[in-house]
Structures are given as structure tokens and as C-alpha cells.
Amino acid sequence: PGAKDLVFLEHSPGFCERNPRLGIQGTHGRQCNDTSIGVDGCDLMCCGRGYRTQEITVVERCACMFHWCCEVKCKLCRTQKTIHTCL
């Protein structure tokens, strides 16, 4: 290793499976991004186990307006979202 290389003295524990003794939650049930190649991507985060895709309805505040003085009023909007969850 070079002067700027990071050296690990112990093996890093696996993050895929739950390990309560080490405080590792595992990735089962976590939401992932099916188009990302980064650490949030389903392929990497789900550790090759695959993922489930589902459509959900989300209710959020929207079209918020400030009313003088000191009040914000919003509507409630329903939107459909696609989420991906590790198996």
C-alpha cells in the first residue's frame, strides 16, 4: 500500500444480512433506486436477492399559499409513485 492508501486491519462485516449483535439492520425491506448504478441502486443494495416493484398512492401537502399574517394553507394532493423494495 502507498502512503495515501486506506488499509483495513479487520474484515468489514457484511451489510446484506441482519446482524443485531453488530447493529447491522441488513437491506431486506429497504427502498432502492432501480436506475442507479451507485450504492442506492437495487442491484448493489439488494445484494443480488432481487427487489419488488409496486405502485403506491402518496398524499402530500401542495399548492401552499401564505395568508397575511402568519398562516400557510395547503391543499392535499394525491400522486402515484413507483417504489422498489429489496427482497
Foldseek 3Di string as FASTA:
>chain_A
DDPPDDDDPDDDDDQQDDDVVVPRHHQAFPWADCPDPDCRHQCNRLVNQAKDKDKDKDWDWDPWDQDPPDDIDTDIDIDIDIIIGHD
